Amino acid sequence: MSFFSRISQKPGFRQVFNVLKNKYFIVTFLFLVWILFFDTNNLITWYKDLKQLAWQNRQKVYYQNAIKQADEKLQELASNKDSLEKFAREQYLFHQAGEDVYVLEDGQ
């Protein structure tokens, strides 16, 4: 007796086979396969969109923090003349007449 004929004799197999043979099951299955894999809004596109949304949210938080830090630095520079001079000397290498500027970088 072959494997298929032994399985087909079991009562559970007949019930499963009858369900799989049902036209409503087949149509529903094909509809789900179409929606999940072949439609323009399929699972793969949905996953890529969610991944991109998460990346954009991380970027949004990063730029919000950068803006907050820049605003704090601007507020500090606007409130204190010494900090403005220090910033100009460090960032733009400004110097007064007769002064030499040396830039030392940390060795890596």
PDB file of N, CA and C in Angstrom:
ATOM      1  N   MET A   1       0.847  -1.172   0.000  1.00  0.00           N
ATOM      2  CA  MET A   1       0.000   0.000   0.000  1.00  0.00           C
ATOM      3  C   MET A   1       0.897   1.240   0.000  1.00  0.00           C
ATOM      4  N   SER A   2       0.634   2.189  -0.887  1.00  0.00           N
ATOM      5  CA  SER A   2       1.472   3.374  -1.004  1.00  0.00           C
ATOM      6  C   SER A   2       1.159   4.375   0.118  1.00  0.00           C
ATOM      7  N   PHE A   3       2.071   5.292   0.242  1.00  0.00           N
ATOM      8  CA  PHE A   3       1.951   6.312   1.294  1.00  0.00           C
ATOM      9  C   PHE A   3       0.677   7.138   1.129  1.00  0.00           C
ATOM     10  N   PHE A   4       0.399   7.578  -0.099  1.00  0.00           N
ATOM     11  CA  PHE A   4      -0.779   8.410  -0.343  1.00  0.00           C
ATOM     12  C   PHE A   4      -2.066   7.648  -0.049  1.00  0.00           C
ATOM     13  N   SER A   5      -2.124   6.398  -0.428  1.00  0.00           N
ATOM     14  CA  SER A   5      -3.355   5.635  -0.198  1.00  0.00           C
ATOM     15  C   SER A   5      -3.561   5.379   1.297  1.00  0.00           C
ATOM     16  N   ARG A   6      -2.472   5.206   2.075  1.00  0.00           N
ATOM     17  CA  ARG A   6      -2.625   5.028   3.526  1.00  0.00           C
ATOM     18  C   ARG A   6      -3.140   6.313   4.175  1.00  0.00           C
ATOM     19  N   ILE A   7      -2.613   7.446   3.746  1.00  0.00           N
ATOM     20  CA  ILE A   7      -3.061   8.720   4.324  1.00  0.00           C
ATOM     21  C   ILE A   7      -4.492   9.020   3.917  1.00  0.00           C
ATOM     22  N   SER A   8      -4.844   8.731   2.688  1.00  0.00           N
ATOM     23  CA  SER A   8      -6.188   9.052   2.212  1.00  0.00           C
ATOM     24  C   SER A   8      -7.268   8.214   2.888  1.00  0.00           C
ATOM     25  N   GLN A   9      -6.891   7.128   3.509  1.00  0.00           N
ATOM     26  CA  GLN A   9      -7.864   6.292   4.206  1.00  0.00           C
ATOM     27  C   GLN A   9      -8.240   6.851   5.576  1.00  0.00           C
ATOM     28  N   LYS A  10      -7.427   7.735   6.128  1.00  0.00           N
ATOM     29  CA  LYS A  10      -7.703   8.288   7.450  1.00  0.00           C
ATOM     30  C   LYS A  10      -8.837   9.299   7.363  1.00  0.00           C
ATOM     31  N   PRO A  11      -9.748   9.339   8.378  1.00  0.00           N
ATOM     32  CA  PRO A  11     -10.898  10.238   8.312  1.00  0.00           C
ATOM     33  C   PRO A  11     -10.512  11.719   8.406  1.00  0.00           C
ATOM     34  N   GLY A  12      -9.465  12.062   9.123  1.00  0.00           N
ATOM     35  CA  GLY A  12      -9.035  13.466   9.232  1.00  0.00           C
ATOM     36  C   GLY A  12      -8.561  14.029   7.907  1.00  0.00           C
ATOM     37  N   PHE A  13      -7.901  13.179   7.131  1.00  0.00           N
ATOM     38  CA  PHE A  13      -7.415  13.605   5.826  1.00  0.00           C
ATOM     39  C   PHE A  13      -8.569  13.963   4.899  1.00  0.00           C
ATOM     40  N   ARG A  14      -9.618  13.184   4.937  1.00  0.00           N
ATOM     41  CA  ARG A  14     -10.788  13.462   4.080  1.00  0.00           C
ATOM     42  C   ARG A  14     -11.402  14.810   4.429  1.00  0.00           C
ATOM     43  N   GLN A  15     -11.478  15.117   5.716  1.00  0.00           N
ATOM     44  CA  GLN A  15     -12.065  16.409   6.124  1.00  0.00           C
ATOM     45  C   GLN A  15     -11.191  17.570   5.648  1.00  0.00           C
ATOM     46  N   VAL A  16      -9.889  17.419   5.811  1.00  0.00           N
ATOM     47  CA  VAL A  16      -8.972  18.469   5.353  1.00  0.00           C
ATOM     48  C   VAL A  16      -9.042  18.602   3.839  1.00  0.00           C
ATOM     49  N   PHE A  17      -9.071  17.498   3.140  1.00  0.00           N
ATOM     50  CA  PHE A  17      -9.137  17.528   1.679  1.00  0.00           C
ATOM     51  C   PHE A  17     -10.437  18.186   1.211  1.00  0.00           C
ATOM     52  N   ASN A  18     -11.543  17.901   1.900  1.00  0.00           N
ATOM     53  CA  ASN A  18     -12.817  18.515   1.532  1.00  0.00           C
ATOM     54  C   ASN A  18     -12.785  20.025   1.754  1.00  0.00           C
ATOM     55  N   VAL A  19     -12.145  20.468   2.818  1.00  0.00           N
ATOM     56  CA  VAL A  19     -12.025  21.914   3.064  1.00  0.00           C
ATOM     57  C   VAL A  19     -11.169  22.553   1.980  1.00  0.00           C
ATOM     58  N   LEU A  20     -10.054  21.916   1.630  1.00  0.00           N
ATOM     59  CA  LEU A  20      -9.171  22.462   0.597  1.00  0.00           C
ATOM     60  C   LEU A  20      -9.823  22.462  -0.777  1.00  0.00           C
ATOM     61  N   LYS A  21     -10.749  21.565  -0.996  1.00  0.00           N
ATOM     62  CA  LYS A  21     -11.453  21.469  -2.264  1.00  0.00           C
ATOM     63  C   LYS A  21     -12.601  22.480  -2.371  1.00  0.00           C
ATOM     64  N   ASN A  22     -12.987  23.065  -1.261  1.00  0.00           N
ATOM     65  CA  ASN A  22     -14.106  23.998  -1.218  1.00  0.00           C
ATOM     66  C   ASN A  22     -13.774  25.250  -2.045  1.00  0.00           C
ATOM     67  N   LYS A  23     -14.697  25.671  -2.918  1.00  0.00           N
ATOM     68  CA  LYS A  23     -14.434  26.814  -3.807  1.00  0.00           C
ATOM     69  C   LYS A  23     -14.295  28.119  -3.026  1.00  0.00           C
ATOM     70  N   TYR A  24     -14.984  28.271  -1.900  1.00  0.00           N
ATOM     71  CA  TYR A  24     -14.872  29.488  -1.099  1.00  0.00           C
ATOM     72  C   TYR A  24     -13.498  29.572  -0.422  1.00  0.00           C
ATOM     73  N   PHE A  25     -13.010  28.442   0.015  1.00  0.00           N
ATOM     74  CA  PHE A  25     -11.672  28.407   0.602  1.00  0.00           C
ATOM     75  C   PHE A  25     -10.623  28.765  -0.445  1.00  0.00           C
ATOM     76  N   ILE A  26     -10.758  28.205  -1.634  1.00  0.00           N
ATOM     77  CA  ILE A  26      -9.798  28.471  -2.706  1.00  0.00           C
ATOM     78  C   ILE A  26      -9.802  29.942  -3.086  1.00  0.00           C
ATOM     79  N   VAL A  27     -10.989  30.526  -3.230  1.00  0.00           N
ATOM     80  CA  VAL A  27     -11.087  31.943  -3.596  1.00  0.00           C
ATOM     81  C   VAL A  27     -10.515  32.815  -2.489  1.00  0.00           C
ATOM     82  N   THR A  28     -10.831  32.496  -1.236  1.00  0.00           N
ATOM     83  CA  THR A  28     -10.301  33.275  -0.108  1.00  0.00           C
ATOM     84  C   THR A  28      -8.783  33.149  -0.038  1.00  0.00           C
ATOM     85  N   PHE A  29      -8.268  31.955  -0.229  1.00  0.00           N
ATOM     86  CA  PHE A  29      -6.824  31.741  -0.212  1.00  0.00           C
ATOM     87  C   PHE A  29      -6.135  32.531  -1.325  1.00  0.00           C
ATOM     88  N   LEU A  30      -6.667  32.467  -2.517  1.00  0.00           N
ATOM     89  CA  LEU A  30      -6.090  33.217  -3.636  1.00  0.00           C
ATOM     90  C   LEU A  30      -6.162  34.722  -3.396  1.00  0.00           C
ATOM     91  N   PHE A  31      -7.259  35.192  -2.814  1.00  0.00           N
ATOM     92  CA  PHE A  31      -7.393  36.613  -2.491  1.00  0.00           C
ATOM     93  C   PHE A  31      -6.319  37.035  -1.491  1.00  0.00           C
ATOM     94  N   LEU A  32      -6.123  36.242  -0.450  1.00  0.00           N
ATOM     95  CA  LEU A  32      -5.110  36.574   0.555  1.00  0.00           C
ATOM     96  C   LEU A  32      -3.706  36.555  -0.037  1.00  0.00           C
ATOM     97  N   VAL A  33      -3.417  35.579  -0.878  1.00  0.00           N
ATOM     98  CA  VAL A  33      -2.104  35.528  -1.524  1.00  0.00           C
ATOM     99  C   VAL A  33      -1.913  36.756  -2.405  1.00  0.00           C
ATOM    100  N   TRP A  34      -2.936  37.128  -3.133  1.00  0.00           N
ATOM    101  CA  TRP A  34      -2.846  38.313  -3.993  1.00  0.00           C
ATOM    102  C   TRP A  34      -2.594  39.569  -3.169  1.00  0.00           C
ATOM    103  N   ILE A  35      -3.360  39.756  -2.108  1.00  0.00           N
ATOM    104  CA  ILE A  35      -3.220  40.951  -1.276  1.00  0.00           C
ATOM    105  C   ILE A  35      -1.855  40.985  -0.580  1.00  0.00           C
ATOM    106  N   LEU A  36      -1.396  39.849  -0.073  1.00  0.00           N
ATOM    107  CA  LEU A  36      -0.163  39.825   0.696  1.00  0.00           C
ATOM    108  C   LEU A  36       1.098  39.932  -0.153  1.00  0.00           C
ATOM    109  N   PHE A  37       1.065  39.446  -1.388  1.00  0.00           N
ATOM    110  CA  PHE A  37       2.302  39.384  -2.157  1.00  0.00           C
ATOM    111  C   PHE A  37       2.288  40.152  -3.479  1.00  0.00           C
ATOM    112  N   PHE A  38       1.157  40.288  -4.135  1.00  0.00           N
ATOM    113  CA  PHE A  38       1.152  40.859  -5.487  1.00  0.00           C
ATOM    114  C   PHE A  38       0.533  42.248  -5.581  1.00  0.00           C
ATOM    115  N   ASP A  39      -0.209  42.672  -4.614  1.00  0.00           N
ATOM    116  CA  ASP A  39      -0.862  43.976  -4.645  1.00  0.00           C
ATOM    117  C   ASP A  39       0.187  45.080  -4.489  1.00  0.00           C
ATOM    118  N   THR A  40      -0.164  46.309  -4.838  1.00  0.00           N
ATOM    119  CA  THR A  40       0.784  47.420  -4.702  1.00  0.00           C
ATOM    120  C   THR A  40       1.099  47.721  -3.244  1.00  0.00           C
ATOM    121  N   ASN A  41       0.223  47.381  -2.339  1.00  0.00           N
ATOM    122  CA  ASN A  41       0.462  47.569  -0.909  1.00  0.00           C
ATOM    123  C   ASN A  41       0.713  46.220  -0.236  1.00  0.00           C
ATOM    124  N   ASN A  42       1.634  45.452  -0.773  1.00  0.00           N
ATOM    125  CA  ASN A  42       1.894  44.119  -0.251  1.00  0.00           C
ATOM    126  C   ASN A  42       2.749  44.174   1.012  1.00  0.00           C
ATOM    127  N   LEU A  43       3.042  43.015   1.570  1.00  0.00           N
ATOM    128  CA  LEU A  43       3.798  42.949   2.816  1.00  0.00           C
ATOM    129  C   LEU A  43       5.214  43.503   2.678  1.00  0.00           C
ATOM    130  N   ILE A  44       5.844  43.243   1.569  1.00  0.00           N
ATOM    131  CA  ILE A  44       7.216  43.710   1.368  1.00  0.00           C
ATOM    132  C   ILE A  44       7.253  45.235   1.317  1.00  0.00           C
ATOM    133  N   THR A  45       6.351  45.828   0.576  1.00  0.00           N
ATOM    134  CA  THR A  45       6.273  47.286   0.508  1.00  0.00           C
ATOM    135  C   THR A  45       5.913  47.869   1.864  1.00  0.00           C
ATOM    136  N   TRP A  46       5.016  47.217   2.543  1.00  0.00           N
ATOM    137  CA  TRP A  46       4.600  47.677   3.869  1.00  0.00           C
ATOM    138  C   TRP A  46       5.777  47.657   4.832  1.00  0.00           C
ATOM    139  N   TYR A  47       6.577  46.595   4.810  1.00  0.00           N
ATOM    140  CA  TYR A  47       7.743  46.492   5.685  1.00  0.00           C
ATOM    141  C   TYR A  47       8.770  47.574   5.354  1.00  0.00           C
ATOM    142  N   LYS A  48       9.045  47.805   4.066  1.00  0.00           N
ATOM    143  CA  LYS A  48       9.996  48.838   3.668  1.00  0.00           C
ATOM    144  C   LYS A  48       9.520  50.219   4.107  1.00  0.00           C
ATOM    145  N   ASP A  49       8.212  50.472   3.966  1.00  0.00           N
ATOM    146  CA  ASP A  49       7.666  51.761   4.386  1.00  0.00           C
ATOM    147  C   ASP A  49       7.780  51.959   5.897  1.00  0.00           C
ATOM    148  N   LEU A  50       7.530  50.897   6.661  1.00  0.00           N
ATOM    149  CA  LEU A  50       7.671  50.999   8.118  1.00  0.00           C
ATOM    150  C   LEU A  50       9.119  51.234   8.520  1.00  0.00           C
ATOM    151  N   LYS A  51      10.040  50.571   7.823  1.00  0.00           N
ATOM    152  CA  LYS A  51      11.459  50.756   8.105  1.00  0.00           C
ATOM    153  C   LYS A  51      11.894  52.188   7.787  1.00  0.00           C
ATOM    154  N   GLN A  52      11.419  52.717   6.681  1.00  0.00           N
ATOM    155  CA  GLN A  52      11.765  54.085   6.319  1.00  0.00           C
ATOM    156  C   GLN A  52      11.132  55.088   7.287  1.00  0.00           C
ATOM    157  N   LEU A  53       9.926  54.824   7.731  1.00  0.00           N
ATOM    158  CA  LEU A  53       9.278  55.689   8.707  1.00  0.00           C
ATOM    159  C   LEU A  53      10.066  55.715  10.018  1.00  0.00           C
ATOM    160  N   ALA A  54      10.544  54.564  10.463  1.00  0.00           N
ATOM    161  CA  ALA A  54      11.348  54.511  11.680  1.00  0.00           C
ATOM    162  C   ALA A  54      12.642  55.299  11.506  1.00  0.00           C
ATOM    163  N   TRP A  55      13.276  55.167  10.339  1.00  0.00           N
ATOM    164  CA  TRP A  55      14.506  55.917  10.060  1.00  0.00           C
ATOM    165  C   TRP A  55      14.235  57.414  10.062  1.00  0.00           C
ATOM    166  N   GLN A  56      13.136  57.827   9.463  1.00  0.00           N
ATOM    167  CA  GLN A  56      12.795  59.246   9.433  1.00  0.00           C
ATOM    168  C   GLN A  56      12.472  59.781  10.823  1.00  0.00           C
ATOM    169  N   ASN A  57      11.854  58.960  11.660  1.00  0.00           N
ATOM    170  CA  ASN A  57      11.589  59.387  13.034  1.00  0.00           C
ATOM    171  C   ASN A  57      12.894  59.557  13.810  1.00  0.00           C
ATOM    172  N   ARG A  58      13.869  58.660  13.582  1.00  0.00           N
ATOM    173  CA  ARG A  58      15.178  58.817  14.234  1.00  0.00           C
ATOM    174  C   ARG A  58      15.864  60.088  13.750  1.00  0.00           C
ATOM    175  N   GLN A  59      15.773  60.361  12.449  1.00  0.00           N
ATOM    176  CA  GLN A  59      16.345  61.588  11.902  1.00  0.00           C
ATOM    177  C   GLN A  59      15.676  62.825  12.505  1.00  0.00           C
ATOM    178  N   LYS A  60      14.377  62.762  12.660  1.00  0.00           N
ATOM    179  CA  LYS A  60      13.615  63.880  13.225  1.00  0.00           C
ATOM    180  C   LYS A  60      14.083  64.178  14.644  1.00  0.00           C
ATOM    181  N   VAL A  61      14.245  63.133  15.451  1.00  0.00           N
ATOM    182  CA  VAL A  61      14.708  63.320  16.830  1.00  0.00           C
ATOM    183  C   VAL A  61      16.127  63.880  16.835  1.00  0.00           C
ATOM    184  N   TYR A  62      16.985  63.363  15.955  1.00  0.00           N
ATOM    185  CA  TYR A  62      18.361  63.852  15.875  1.00  0.00           C
ATOM    186  C   TYR A  62      18.395  65.344  15.541  1.00  0.00           C
ATOM    187  N   TYR A  63      17.634  65.745  14.538  1.00  0.00           N
ATOM    188  CA  TYR A  63      17.654  67.148  14.143  1.00  0.00           C
ATOM    189  C   TYR A  63      16.984  68.050  15.176  1.00  0.00           C
ATOM    190  N   GLN A  64      15.980  67.552  15.868  1.00  0.00           N
ATOM    191  CA  GLN A  64      15.389  68.342  16.945  1.00  0.00           C
ATOM    192  C   GLN A  64      16.408  68.588  18.054  1.00  0.00           C
ATOM    193  N   ASN A  65      17.189  67.559  18.384  1.00  0.00           N
ATOM    194  CA  ASN A  65      18.233  67.735  19.397  1.00  0.00           C
ATOM    195  C   ASN A  65      19.322  68.683  18.911  1.00  0.00           C
ATOM    196  N   ALA A  66      19.691  68.575  17.631  1.00  0.00           N
ATOM    197  CA  ALA A  66      20.715  69.467  17.073  1.00  0.00           C
ATOM    198  C   ALA A  66      20.228  70.914  17.085  1.00  0.00           C
ATOM    199  N   ILE A  67      18.973  71.133  16.764  1.00  0.00           N
ATOM    200  CA  ILE A  67      18.411  72.488  16.786  1.00  0.00           C
ATOM    201  C   ILE A  67      18.392  73.020  18.214  1.00  0.00           C
ATOM    202  N   LYS A  68      18.031  72.177  19.152  1.00  0.00           N
ATOM    203  CA  LYS A  68      17.993  72.593  20.562  1.00  0.00           C
ATOM    204  C   LYS A  68      19.394  72.987  21.041  1.00  0.00           C
ATOM    205  N   GLN A  69      20.402  72.198  20.696  1.00  0.00           N
ATOM    206  CA  GLN A  69      21.775  72.520  21.079  1.00  0.00           C
ATOM    207  C   GLN A  69      22.250  73.802  20.406  1.00  0.00           C
ATOM    208  N   ALA A  70      21.902  74.002  19.140  1.00  0.00           N
ATOM    209  CA  ALA A  70      22.299  75.221  18.436  1.00  0.00           C
ATOM    210  C   ALA A  70      21.627  76.444  19.055  1.00  0.00           C
ATOM    211  N   ASP A  71      20.370  76.306  19.450  1.00  0.00           N
ATOM    212  CA  ASP A  71      19.680  77.421  20.106  1.00  0.00           C
ATOM    213  C   ASP A  71      20.325  77.765  21.443  1.00  0.00           C
ATOM    214  N   GLU A  72      20.708  76.732  22.197  1.00  0.00           N
ATOM    215  CA  GLU A  72      21.376  76.973  23.477  1.00  0.00           C
ATOM    216  C   GLU A  72      22.716  77.665  23.264  1.00  0.00           C
ATOM    217  N   LYS A  73      23.476  77.213  22.256  1.00  0.00           N
ATOM    218  CA  LYS A  73      24.766  77.835  21.947  1.00  0.00           C
ATOM    219  C   LYS A  73      24.577  79.284  21.495  1.00  0.00           C
ATOM    220  N   LEU A  74      23.560  79.524  20.692  1.00  0.00           N
ATOM    221  CA  LEU A  74      23.274  80.883  20.234  1.00  0.00           C
ATOM    222  C   LEU A  74      22.890  81.775  21.402  1.00  0.00           C
ATOM    223  N   GLN A  75      22.090  81.247  22.308  1.00  0.00           N
ATOM    224  CA  GLN A  75      21.693  82.016  23.492  1.00  0.00           C
ATOM    225  C   GLN A  75      22.920  82.342  24.341  1.00  0.00           C
ATOM    226  N   GLU A  76      23.836  81.385  24.484  1.00  0.00           N
ATOM    227  CA  GLU A  76      25.055  81.618  25.250  1.00  0.00           C
ATOM    228  C   GLU A  76      25.936  82.668  24.586  1.00  0.00           C
ATOM    229  N   LEU A  77      26.053  82.575  23.259  1.00  0.00           N
ATOM    230  CA  LEU A  77      26.887  83.536  22.536  1.00  0.00           C
ATOM    231  C   LEU A  77      26.294  84.938  22.568  1.00  0.00           C
ATOM    232  N   ALA A  78      24.980  85.025  22.532  1.00  0.00           N
ATOM    233  CA  ALA A  78      24.334  86.346  22.540  1.00  0.00           C
ATOM    234  C   ALA A  78      24.391  86.992  23.923  1.00  0.00           C
ATOM    235  N   SER A  79      24.507  86.197  24.964  1.00  0.00           N
ATOM    236  CA  SER A  79      24.444  86.756  26.313  1.00  0.00           C
ATOM    237  C   SER A  79      25.814  87.126  26.879  1.00  0.00           C
ATOM    238  N   ASN A  80      26.891  86.579  26.349  1.00  0.00           N
ATOM    239  CA  ASN A  80      28.201  86.796  26.948  1.00  0.00           C
ATOM    240  C   ASN A  80      29.218  87.139  25.860  1.00  0.00           C
ATOM    241  N   LYS A  81      29.844  88.310  25.999  1.00  0.00           N
ATOM    242  CA  LYS A  81      30.812  88.754  24.995  1.00  0.00           C
ATOM    243  C   LYS A  81      32.068  87.884  25.006  1.00  0.00           C
ATOM    244  N   ASP A  82      32.484  87.448  26.184  1.00  0.00           N
ATOM    245  CA  ASP A  82      33.678  86.597  26.269  1.00  0.00           C
ATOM    246  C   ASP A  82      33.468  85.255  25.571  1.00  0.00           C
ATOM    247  N   SER A  83      32.294  84.688  25.716  1.00  0.00           N
ATOM    248  CA  SER A  83      32.035  83.413  25.049  1.00  0.00           C
ATOM    249  C   SER A  83      31.967  83.601  23.540  1.00  0.00           C
ATOM    250  N   LEU A  84      31.495  84.762  23.092  1.00  0.00           N
ATOM    251  CA  LEU A  84      31.465  85.051  21.655  1.00  0.00           C
ATOM    252  C   LEU A  84      32.883  85.146  21.103  1.00  0.00           C
ATOM    253  N   GLU A  85      33.767  85.829  21.860  1.00  0.00           N
ATOM    254  CA  GLU A  85      35.152  85.943  21.431  1.00  0.00           C
ATOM    255  C   GLU A  85      35.839  84.573  21.415  1.00  0.00           C
ATOM    256  N   LYS A  86      35.594  83.774  22.437  1.00  0.00           N
ATOM    257  CA  LYS A  86      36.167  82.435  22.509  1.00  0.00           C
ATOM    258  C   LYS A  86      35.687  81.583  21.339  1.00  0.00           C
ATOM    259  N   PHE A  87      34.412  81.656  21.018  1.00  0.00           N
ATOM    260  CA  PHE A  87      33.854  80.903  19.906  1.00  0.00           C
ATOM    261  C   PHE A  87      34.497  81.328  18.591  1.00  0.00           C
ATOM    262  N   ALA A  88      34.638  82.630  18.383  1.00  0.00           N
ATOM    263  CA  ALA A  88      35.222  83.129  17.138  1.00  0.00           C
ATOM    264  C   ALA A  88      36.679  82.695  17.010  1.00  0.00           C
ATOM    265  N   ARG A  89      37.403  82.723  18.108  1.00  0.00           N
ATOM    266  CA  ARG A  89      38.813  82.313  18.062  1.00  0.00           C
ATOM    267  C   ARG A  89      38.937  80.804  17.794  1.00  0.00           C
ATOM    268  N   GLU A  90      38.094  80.001  18.431  1.00  0.00           N
ATOM    269  CA  GLU A  90      38.206  78.551  18.270  1.00  0.00           C
ATOM    270  C   GLU A  90      37.689  78.064  16.920  1.00  0.00           C
ATOM    271  N   GLN A  91      36.557  78.572  16.503  1.00  0.00           N
ATOM    272  CA  GLN A  91      35.921  78.055  15.285  1.00  0.00           C
ATOM    273  C   GLN A  91      36.457  78.689  14.010  1.00  0.00           C
ATOM    274  N   TYR A  92      36.717  79.994  14.048  1.00  0.00           N
ATOM    275  CA  TYR A  92      37.088  80.703  12.819  1.00  0.00           C
ATOM    276  C   TYR A  92      38.512  81.238  12.841  1.00  0.00           C
ATOM    277  N   LEU A  93      39.260  80.876  13.894  1.00  0.00           N
ATOM    278  CA  LEU A  93      40.668  81.255  14.011  1.00  0.00           C
ATOM    279  C   LEU A  93      40.875  82.774  13.929  1.00  0.00           C
ATOM    280  N   PHE A  94      39.961  83.519  14.502  1.00  0.00           N
ATOM    281  CA  PHE A  94      40.119  84.967  14.556  1.00  0.00           C
ATOM    282  C   PHE A  94      41.250  85.304  15.521  1.00  0.00           C
ATOM    283  N   HIS A  95      41.951  86.383  15.237  1.00  0.00           N
ATOM    284  CA  HIS A  95      43.016  86.828  16.132  1.00  0.00           C
ATOM    285  C   HIS A  95      43.124  88.335  16.064  1.00  0.00           C
ATOM    286  N   GLN A  96      43.743  88.873  17.098  1.00  0.00           N
ATOM    287  CA  GLN A  96      43.933  90.313  17.149  1.00  0.00           C
ATOM    288  C   GLN A  96      45.248  90.658  16.460  1.00  0.00           C
ATOM    289  N   ALA A  97      45.444  91.936  16.185  1.00  0.00           N
ATOM    290  CA  ALA A  97      46.658  92.376  15.500  1.00  0.00           C
ATOM    291  C   ALA A  97      47.877  92.056  16.365  1.00  0.00           C
ATOM    292  N   GLY A  98      48.920  91.511  15.746  1.00  0.00           N
ATOM    293  CA  GLY A  98      50.148  91.197  16.463  1.00  0.00           C
ATOM    294  C   GLY A  98      50.079  89.880  17.222  1.00  0.00           C
ATOM    295  N   GLU A  99      49.063  89.082  17.008  1.00  0.00           N
ATOM    296  CA  GLU A  99      48.890  87.816  17.715  1.00  0.00           C
ATOM    297  C   GLU A  99      49.138  86.659  16.749  1.00  0.00           C
ATOM    298  N   ASP A 100      49.761  85.635  17.227  1.00  0.00           N
ATOM    299  CA  ASP A 100      49.935  84.427  16.429  1.00  0.00           C
ATOM    300  C   ASP A 100      48.946  83.379  16.916  1.00  0.00           C
ATOM    301  N   VAL A 101      48.363  82.643  15.970  1.00  0.00           N
ATOM    302  CA  VAL A 101      47.391  81.614  16.313  1.00  0.00           C
ATOM    303  C   VAL A 101      47.989  80.248  15.960  1.00  0.00           C
ATOM    304  N   TYR A 102      47.999  79.374  16.941  1.00  0.00           N
ATOM    305  CA  TYR A 102      48.463  78.005  16.726  1.00  0.00           C
ATOM    306  C   TYR A 102      47.284  77.062  16.960  1.00  0.00           C
ATOM    307  N   VAL A 103      47.109  76.147  16.039  1.00  0.00           N
ATOM    308  CA  VAL A 103      46.034  75.165  16.166  1.00  0.00           C
ATOM    309  C   VAL A 103      46.659  73.825  16.515  1.00  0.00           C
ATOM    310  N   LEU A 104      46.287  73.286  17.661  1.00  0.00           N
ATOM    311  CA  LEU A 104      46.788  71.995  18.098  1.00  0.00           C
ATOM    312  C   LEU A 104      45.655  70.978  17.991  1.00  0.00           C
ATOM    313  N   GLU A 105      45.923  69.882  17.312  1.00  0.00           N
ATOM    314  CA  GLU A 105      44.933  68.836  17.167  1.00  0.00           C
ATOM    315  C   GLU A 105      45.358  67.632  17.987  1.00  0.00           C
ATOM    316  N   ASP A 106      44.390  66.922  18.520  1.00  0.00           N
ATOM    317  CA  ASP A 106      44.685  65.720  19.272  1.00  0.00           C
ATOM    318  C   ASP A 106      45.189  64.642  18.326  1.00  0.00           C
ATOM    319  N   GLY A 107      46.257  63.945  18.717  1.00  0.00           N
ATOM    320  CA  GLY A 107      46.791  62.868  17.888  1.00  0.00           C
ATOM    321  C   GLY A 107      45.892  61.648  17.968  1.00  0.00           C
ATOM    322  N   GLN A 108      45.670  61.016  16.831  1.00  0.00           N
ATOM    323  CA  GLN A 108      44.794  59.836  16.815  1.00  0.00           C
ATOM    324  C   GLN A 108      45.541  58.615  16.439  1.00  0.00           C
TER     325      GLN A 108
END
